[in-house]
Protein backbone atom coordinates (compact mmCIF):
# COMPACT_ATOMS: atom_id res chain seq x y z
CA MET A 1 -22.57 -1.19 12.38
CA ARG A 2 -25.83 -1.86 11.46
CA GLU A 3 -26.77 -5.91 11.33
CA ASP A 4 -26.47 -6.06 7.69
CA ASP A 5 -22.94 -4.75 7.78
CA TYR A 6 -21.88 -7.79 9.38
CA ALA A 7 -23.97 -9.91 7.05
CA THR A 8 -21.38 -7.93 4.15
CA LEU A 9 -18.49 -9.03 6.34
CA ALA A 10 -20.12 -12.55 6.12
CA GLN A 11 -20.36 -11.87 2.38
CA LEU A 12 -16.78 -10.51 2.37
CA GLU A 13 -15.34 -13.37 4.17
CA GLU A 14 -17.36 -15.72 1.73
CA ALA A 15 -15.63 -13.98 -1.00
CA PHE A 16 -12.32 -14.12 -0.03
CA GLU A 17 -12.29 -18.09 0.41
CA ARG A 18 -13.78 -18.28 -3.09
CA ARG A 19 -10.53 -16.09 -3.81
CA ASP A 20 -13.27 -13.83 -5.48
CA LEU A 21 -11.14 -10.69 -6.49
CA SER A 22 -13.75 -9.37 -8.55
CA LYS A 23 -16.07 -8.72 -5.19
CA PHE A 24 -13.73 -7.27 -3.37
CA THR A 25 -12.64 -4.75 -6.71
CA SER A 26 -16.55 -4.09 -6.63
CA PHE A 27 -17.21 -3.57 -2.97
CA LEU A 28 -14.46 -1.12 -2.78
CA GLU A 29 -15.81 1.37 -6.04
CA GLY A 30 -19.10 1.02 -4.38
CA SER A 31 -17.83 1.88 -0.51
CA ARG A 32 -18.24 5.59 0.22
CA GLY A 33 -20.45 5.07 3.35
CA VAL A 34 -19.74 1.87 4.16
CA PRO A 35 -17.92 1.69 8.00
CA LEU A 36 -14.53 1.29 7.96
CA LEU A 37 -14.08 -2.08 9.50
CA LEU A 38 -15.88 -3.66 6.14
CA ARG A 39 -13.19 -0.97 4.36
CA VAL A 40 -10.18 -1.89 6.14
CA HIS A 41 -11.23 -5.91 6.19
CA ALA A 42 -11.52 -6.36 2.27
CA VAL A 43 -8.14 -3.50 1.77
CA CYS A 44 -6.82 -6.30 4.10
CA MET A 45 -8.56 -9.67 2.68
CA LEU A 46 -6.41 -8.57 -0.98
CA GLU A 47 -3.12 -9.18 0.40
CA HIS A 48 -3.59 -12.69 1.76
CA ILE A 49 -5.31 -12.45 -1.75
CA GLY A 50 -2.41 -12.19 -2.87
CA ASP A 51 -2.63 -10.96 -6.99
CA GLU A 52 -1.36 -8.52 -8.68
CA SER A 53 -4.32 -7.90 -10.26
CA ALA A 54 -5.36 -6.08 -6.50
CA VAL A 55 -3.25 -3.55 -7.48
CA ARG A 56 -5.70 -1.32 -9.25
CA PRO A 57 -8.38 -1.25 -6.47
CA LEU A 58 -6.05 -0.37 -4.05
CA CYS A 59 -4.42 2.10 -5.56
CA LYS A 60 -7.93 3.68 -6.16
CA VAL A 61 -8.53 3.34 -1.99
CA LEU A 62 -4.94 4.60 -1.26
CA LYS A 63 -5.52 7.89 -3.22
CA GLU A 64 -9.97 8.07 -3.14
CA ASP A 65 -10.96 6.65 0.57
CA SER A 66 -11.93 9.21 2.72
CA SER A 67 -10.75 7.61 6.10
CA PRO A 68 -6.49 8.06 6.52
CA LEU A 69 -6.94 5.00 8.46
CA THR A 70 -8.03 3.00 5.57
CA ARG A 71 -5.76 4.79 2.92
CA HIS A 72 -2.77 3.25 5.26
CA GLU A 73 -3.72 0.20 5.48
CA ALA A 74 -3.93 0.45 1.45
CA ALA A 75 -0.23 1.78 1.39
CA PHE A 76 0.96 -1.04 3.53
CA THR A 77 -1.40 -3.71 1.48
CA LEU A 78 0.65 -2.52 -1.29
CA GLY A 79 3.98 -2.73 0.26
CA GLN A 80 3.39 -5.94 1.06
CA LEU A 81 2.34 -7.39 -2.14
CA GLY A 82 5.18 -5.59 -3.84
CA TYR A 83 4.51 -5.41 -7.04
CA ARG A 84 6.38 -2.30 -9.09
CA SER A 85 2.97 -1.31 -11.08
CA ALA A 86 1.55 -0.04 -7.80
CA ARG A 87 4.88 2.39 -7.79
CA PRO A 88 2.81 5.47 -9.06
CA ALA A 89 -0.37 5.66 -6.65
CA LEU A 90 2.55 4.68 -3.53
CA VAL A 91 5.10 7.74 -4.63
CA GLU A 92 1.78 10.26 -5.60
CA ALA A 93 0.67 9.32 -1.72
CA MET A 94 4.19 9.59 -0.37
CA LEU A 95 4.14 13.47 -1.64
CA SER A 96 1.27 14.80 -1.54
CA ASP A 97 -1.53 12.62 0.70
CA ASP A 98 -3.34 14.71 3.34
CA SER A 99 -2.23 12.48 6.14
CA PRO A 100 1.15 11.66 7.64
CA ILE A 101 0.31 7.90 8.41
CA VAL A 102 -0.41 7.52 4.81
CA ARG A 103 3.10 9.41 3.84
CA HIS A 104 5.02 7.21 6.06
CA GLU A 105 3.12 3.82 5.40
CA SER A 106 3.90 4.93 1.26
CA ALA A 107 7.40 5.80 2.52
CA VAL A 108 7.60 2.38 4.04
CA ALA A 109 5.65 0.46 1.10
CA LEU A 110 8.15 1.74 -1.73
CA SER A 111 10.82 0.47 0.00
CA SER A 112 9.60 -3.44 0.05
CA LEU A 113 8.87 -2.59 -3.96
CA GLY A 114 12.95 -2.92 -4.43
CA ASP A 115 12.80 -0.21 -6.95
CA ASP A 116 15.38 2.20 -6.64
CA SER A 117 13.80 4.62 -9.30
CA VAL A 118 12.06 6.08 -6.36
CA LEU A 119 15.09 6.89 -4.89
CA PRO A 120 14.63 11.07 -6.16
CA GLU A 121 10.90 10.85 -4.81
CA LEU A 122 12.01 9.32 -1.48
CA GLU A 123 15.07 11.80 -1.28
CA LYS A 124 12.23 14.50 -1.18
CA ALA A 125 9.69 13.54 0.77
CA ILE A 126 13.25 13.58 3.17
CA GLY A 127 12.17 16.91 3.80
CA ASP A 128 8.78 15.97 5.09
CA LYS A 129 7.48 18.37 8.07
CA ASP A 130 6.41 15.66 9.85
CA GLU A 131 9.17 13.49 11.22
CA ASP A 132 8.05 10.07 11.06
CA VAL A 133 7.17 10.49 7.66
CA SER A 134 10.73 12.12 6.82
CA ASN A 135 12.63 9.18 9.16
CA SER A 136 10.93 6.59 7.27
CA ALA A 137 11.95 8.27 3.72
CA LEU A 138 14.99 8.09 4.97
CA ILE A 139 14.98 4.57 6.18
CA ALA A 140 13.61 3.36 2.64
CA PHE A 141 15.89 5.65 0.57
CA GLU A 142 18.70 4.28 2.43
CA TYR A 143 17.99 0.67 1.90
CA LEU A 144 16.67 1.12 -1.77
CA SER A 145 20.56 2.66 -1.74
CA TYR A 146 22.17 -0.74 -0.26
CA LEU A 147 19.65 -2.69 -2.91
CA ALA A 148 21.11 -0.69 -5.67
CA ARG A 149 24.72 -1.14 -5.01
CA ARG A 150 24.37 -4.90 -4.77
CA ARG A 151 22.92 -5.47 -7.88
CA GLN A 152 25.91 -2.73 -8.98
CA ALA A 153 27.84 -5.59 -7.90
CA SER A 154 26.30 -8.46 -8.54
CA PRO A 155 24.75 -9.58 -11.63
CA GLU A 156 21.58 -11.09 -10.13
CA VAL A 157 18.88 -8.74 -9.53
CA VAL A 158 18.46 -8.57 -5.27
CA LYS A 159 14.84 -7.98 -4.38
CA PRO A 160 14.26 -7.38 -0.34
CA ARG A 161 14.95 -10.04 1.38
CA ILE A 162 12.20 -8.79 4.12
CA ARG A 163 9.10 -5.48 4.03
CA LEU A 164 10.05 -2.86 6.64
């Protein structure tokens, strides 16, 4: 990293202290060519801000960032946030991202949303050529199937108690 990259990292940390979501959104939208540490750090900070308005920039990172590691972190963060508005981007990444670690993490993140409407897509991902992706999709499928059965038996909405 260059010296000015360290200054950018300090600015991101200051924005985090202020919970300045707009700083992270604009940073991530213009982060092509920015060192990996800065992109991943910005994604992780959005998890701790925790606001649903972080979903849109994270979905954009998941779809467009050049680094599989950054896309993986975006999928992980979307799962940790738990907002169902992330579902379309996570499904798309699980079924079509070039990187197995991104497809794997997207499947896991989908289970964290607790939305059993993605069972058909998870079933497709169970057939993924990568064993880890296939196993992650199977685990997510089984967990969401379990939650769906619990919802049928009980009138209250059952959300995931833990994130897989």
